Amino acid sequence: MDLKGLSNLLHGLPTQPALRSHLQNRCISTDDALSAFVWRSVTSSCRRPQFKANFNTTFARSIDVRPYLDLPVGYPGLVQNETYSRSVASKLVGGGSSSLSLGATAAQLRGALQPDK
């Protein structure tokens, strides 16, 4: 996704300066977008009358840490870690002005993978 596409995703997020800065400075991957879609879809399906609208939700992703440890791609050992992203359900699928767009949700997931950039 190019910067113009990311800029379009930013429209309507004036209260999210950290996400705005994050999206302007890096791209999201296809995996980030698909993961965000799955997270929002599962959260949406869990929104039933018996649950509060603002329940907490967590999304876990397994990440390959071989590049961070300078291990070759073909290293046969299991080298992975988990990263967790948390949000309130109403921010993911609320539909109001306070809910995050799919692009902003994907950027939140990307930020959890690369927090120092």
C-alpha atoms as a PDB file:
ATOM      1  CA  MET A   1       0.000   0.000   0.000  1.00  0.00           C
ATOM      2  CA  ASP A   2       1.467   3.344  -0.994  1.00  0.00           C
ATOM      3  CA  LEU A   3       1.430   6.587   0.987  1.00  0.00           C
ATOM      4  CA  LYS A   4      -1.550   7.949  -0.941  1.00  0.00           C
ATOM      5  CA  GLY A   5      -3.580   4.866  -0.017  1.00  0.00           C
ATOM      6  CA  LEU A   6      -2.488   5.222   3.593  1.00  0.00           C
ATOM      7  CA  SER A   7      -3.413   8.886   3.504  1.00  0.00           C
ATOM      8  CA  ASN A   8      -6.904   7.930   2.365  1.00  0.00           C
ATOM      9  CA  LEU A   9      -7.161   5.535   5.302  1.00  0.00           C
ATOM     10  CA  LEU A  10      -6.334   8.400   7.657  1.00  0.00           C
ATOM     11  CA  HIS A  11      -9.373  10.421   6.683  1.00  0.00           C
ATOM     12  CA  GLY A  12     -11.758  10.573   9.620  1.00  0.00           C
ATOM     13  CA  LEU A  13      -9.183   9.815  12.328  1.00  0.00           C
ATOM     14  CA  PRO A  14      -8.428  13.250  13.797  1.00  0.00           C
ATOM     15  CA  THR A  15      -8.473  11.911  17.367  1.00  0.00           C
ATOM     16  CA  GLN A  16      -5.831   9.271  16.662  1.00  0.00           C
ATOM     17  CA  PRO A  17      -2.553  11.228  16.259  1.00  0.00           C
ATOM     18  CA  ALA A  18      -0.344   8.243  17.127  1.00  0.00           C
ATOM     19  CA  LEU A  19      -1.984   6.111  14.442  1.00  0.00           C
ATOM     20  CA  ARG A  20      -1.886   8.999  11.985  1.00  0.00           C
ATOM     21  CA  SER A  21       1.863   9.377  12.484  1.00  0.00           C
ATOM     22  CA  HIS A  22       2.334   5.621  12.310  1.00  0.00           C
ATOM     23  CA  LEU A  23       0.484   5.292   9.014  1.00  0.00           C
ATOM     24  CA  GLN A  24       2.316   8.217   7.436  1.00  0.00           C
ATOM     25  CA  ASN A  25       5.713   6.766   8.231  1.00  0.00           C
ATOM     26  CA  ARG A  26       5.364   3.120   7.219  1.00  0.00           C
ATOM     27  CA  CYS A  27       3.317   0.684   5.224  1.00  0.00           C
ATOM     28  CA  ILE A  28       1.125  -2.147   6.372  1.00  0.00           C
ATOM     29  CA  SER A  29       1.425  -5.637   4.927  1.00  0.00           C
ATOM     30  CA  THR A  30      -1.238  -7.843   3.415  1.00  0.00           C
ATOM     31  CA  ASP A  31      -0.971  -9.991   6.534  1.00  0.00           C
ATOM     32  CA  ASP A  32      -1.642  -6.922   8.702  1.00  0.00           C
ATOM     33  CA  ALA A  33      -4.756  -6.085   6.678  1.00  0.00           C
ATOM     34  CA  LEU A  34      -6.069  -9.671   6.694  1.00  0.00           C
ATOM     35  CA  SER A  35      -5.351 -10.040  10.409  1.00  0.00           C
ATOM     36  CA  ALA A  36      -7.188  -6.790  11.109  1.00  0.00           C
ATOM     37  CA  PHE A  37     -10.132  -8.011   9.030  1.00  0.00           C
ATOM     38  CA  VAL A  38     -10.262 -11.311  10.936  1.00  0.00           C
ATOM     39  CA  TRP A  39      -9.960  -9.549  14.314  1.00  0.00           C
ATOM     40  CA  ARG A  40     -12.792  -7.147  13.463  1.00  0.00           C
ATOM     41  CA  SER A  41     -14.970  -9.936  12.016  1.00  0.00           C
ATOM     42  CA  VAL A  42     -14.588 -12.233  15.020  1.00  0.00           C
ATOM     43  CA  THR A  43     -15.173  -9.324  17.387  1.00  0.00           C
ATOM     44  CA  SER A  44     -18.276  -8.347  15.444  1.00  0.00           C
ATOM     45  CA  SER A  45     -19.669 -11.872  15.646  1.00  0.00           C
ATOM     46  CA  CYS A  46     -19.141 -11.865  19.427  1.00  0.00           C
ATOM     47  CA  ARG A  47     -21.217  -8.723  19.920  1.00  0.00           C
ATOM     48  CA  ARG A  48     -24.379 -10.215  21.325  1.00  0.00           C
ATOM     49  CA  PRO A  49     -26.981  -8.611  23.580  1.00  0.00           C
ATOM     50  CA  GLN A  50     -25.649 -10.540  26.575  1.00  0.00           C
ATOM     51  CA  PHE A  51     -22.217  -8.875  26.218  1.00  0.00           C
ATOM     52  CA  LYS A  52     -21.384  -5.295  27.009  1.00  0.00           C
ATOM     53  CA  ALA A  53     -20.676  -3.219  23.907  1.00  0.00           C
ATOM     54  CA  ASN A  54     -17.308  -2.178  25.257  1.00  0.00           C
ATOM     55  CA  PHE A  55     -15.798  -5.557  26.201  1.00  0.00           C
ATOM     56  CA  ASN A  56     -12.034  -5.927  25.860  1.00  0.00           C
ATOM     57  CA  THR A  57     -10.628  -8.014  23.038  1.00  0.00           C
ATOM     58  CA  THR A  58      -7.112  -9.317  22.403  1.00  0.00           C
ATOM     59  CA  PHE A  59      -5.585 -10.494  19.138  1.00  0.00           C
ATOM     60  CA  ALA A  60      -2.434 -12.646  19.214  1.00  0.00           C
ATOM     61  CA  ARG A  61      -0.062 -13.125  16.307  1.00  0.00           C
ATOM     62  CA  SER A  62       2.849 -15.529  16.053  1.00  0.00           C
ATOM     63  CA  ILE A  63       5.939 -13.920  14.612  1.00  0.00           C
ATOM     64  CA  ASP A  64       9.112 -15.414  13.199  1.00  0.00           C
ATOM     65  CA  VAL A  65      12.018 -13.886  15.090  1.00  0.00           C
ATOM     66  CA  ARG A  66      14.791 -15.436  12.955  1.00  0.00           C
ATOM     67  CA  PRO A  67      15.594 -12.108  11.231  1.00  0.00           C
ATOM     68  CA  TYR A  68      15.897 -10.345  14.590  1.00  0.00           C
ATOM     69  CA  LEU A  69      18.310 -12.986  15.905  1.00  0.00           C
ATOM     70  CA  ASP A  70      20.392 -13.141  12.691  1.00  0.00           C
ATOM     71  CA  LEU A  71      19.440 -16.790  12.134  1.00  0.00           C
ATOM     72  CA  PRO A  72      19.230 -18.155   8.581  1.00  0.00           C
ATOM     73  CA  VAL A  73      15.781 -18.572   7.051  1.00  0.00           C
ATOM     74  CA  GLY A  74      16.383 -22.324   6.791  1.00  0.00           C
ATOM     75  CA  TYR A  75      17.138 -22.719  10.505  1.00  0.00           C
ATOM     76  CA  PRO A  76      15.154 -25.840  11.453  1.00  0.00           C
ATOM     77  CA  GLY A  77      14.437 -24.960  15.072  1.00  0.00           C
ATOM     78  CA  LEU A  78      11.214 -23.440  16.300  1.00  0.00           C
ATOM     79  CA  VAL A  79      11.980 -19.761  16.759  1.00  0.00           C
ATOM     80  CA  GLN A  80       8.874 -17.689  17.261  1.00  0.00           C
ATOM     81  CA  ASN A  81       7.275 -15.289  19.645  1.00  0.00           C
ATOM     82  CA  GLU A  82       3.801 -13.910  20.216  1.00  0.00           C
ATOM     83  CA  THR A  83       2.702 -10.322  19.994  1.00  0.00           C
ATOM     84  CA  TYR A  84      -0.589  -9.154  21.465  1.00  0.00           C
ATOM     85  CA  SER A  85      -2.800  -6.268  20.444  1.00  0.00           C
ATOM     86  CA  ARG A  86      -5.659  -5.134  22.645  1.00  0.00           C
ATOM     87  CA  SER A  87      -8.679  -2.995  21.958  1.00  0.00           C
ATOM     88  CA  VAL A  88     -12.190  -2.319  23.124  1.00  0.00           C
ATOM     89  CA  ALA A  89     -14.787  -3.977  20.892  1.00  0.00           C
ATOM     90  CA  SER A  90     -16.655  -0.736  20.291  1.00  0.00           C
ATOM     91  CA  LYS A  91     -13.476   0.792  18.792  1.00  0.00           C
ATOM     92  CA  LEU A  92     -13.080  -2.123  16.389  1.00  0.00           C
ATOM     93  CA  VAL A  93     -16.667  -2.540  15.209  1.00  0.00           C
ATOM     94  CA  GLY A  94     -18.630   0.259  16.822  1.00  0.00           C
ATOM     95  CA  GLY A  95     -19.486   1.971  13.567  1.00  0.00           C
ATOM     96  CA  GLY A  96     -19.390   5.417  15.154  1.00  0.00           C
ATOM     97  CA  SER A  97     -16.885   8.216  14.843  1.00  0.00           C
ATOM     98  CA  SER A  98     -14.763   6.681  17.607  1.00  0.00           C
ATOM     99  CA  SER A  99     -14.306   3.336  15.833  1.00  0.00           C
ATOM    100  CA  LEU A 100     -11.058   2.603  14.017  1.00  0.00           C
ATOM    101  CA  SER A 101     -10.951   2.000  10.284  1.00  0.00           C
ATOM    102  CA  LEU A 102      -9.623  -1.284   8.943  1.00  0.00           C
ATOM    103  CA  GLY A 103      -6.414   0.500   7.949  1.00  0.00           C
ATOM    104  CA  ALA A 104      -5.942   1.965  11.416  1.00  0.00           C
ATOM    105  CA  THR A 105      -6.537  -1.453  12.966  1.00  0.00           C
ATOM    106  CA  ALA A 106      -3.935  -2.939  10.609  1.00  0.00           C
ATOM    107  CA  ALA A 107      -1.511  -0.158  11.571  1.00  0.00           C
ATOM    108  CA  GLN A 108      -2.068  -0.986  15.238  1.00  0.00           C
ATOM    109  CA  LEU A 109      -1.124  -4.603  14.495  1.00  0.00           C
ATOM    110  CA  ARG A 110       1.964  -3.484  12.531  1.00  0.00           C
ATOM    111  CA  GLY A 111       2.954  -1.209  15.412  1.00  0.00           C
ATOM    112  CA  ALA A 112       2.916  -4.184  17.785  1.00  0.00           C
ATOM    113  CA  LEU A 113       5.416  -5.972  15.504  1.00  0.00           C
ATOM    114  CA  GLN A 114       7.733  -2.985  15.154  1.00  0.00           C
ATOM    115  CA  PRO A 115       7.254  -0.784  18.214  1.00  0.00           C
ATOM    116  CA  ASP A 116      10.622   0.955  17.957  1.00  0.00           C
ATOM    117  CA  LYS A 117      10.249   2.298  14.414  1.00  0.00           C
END
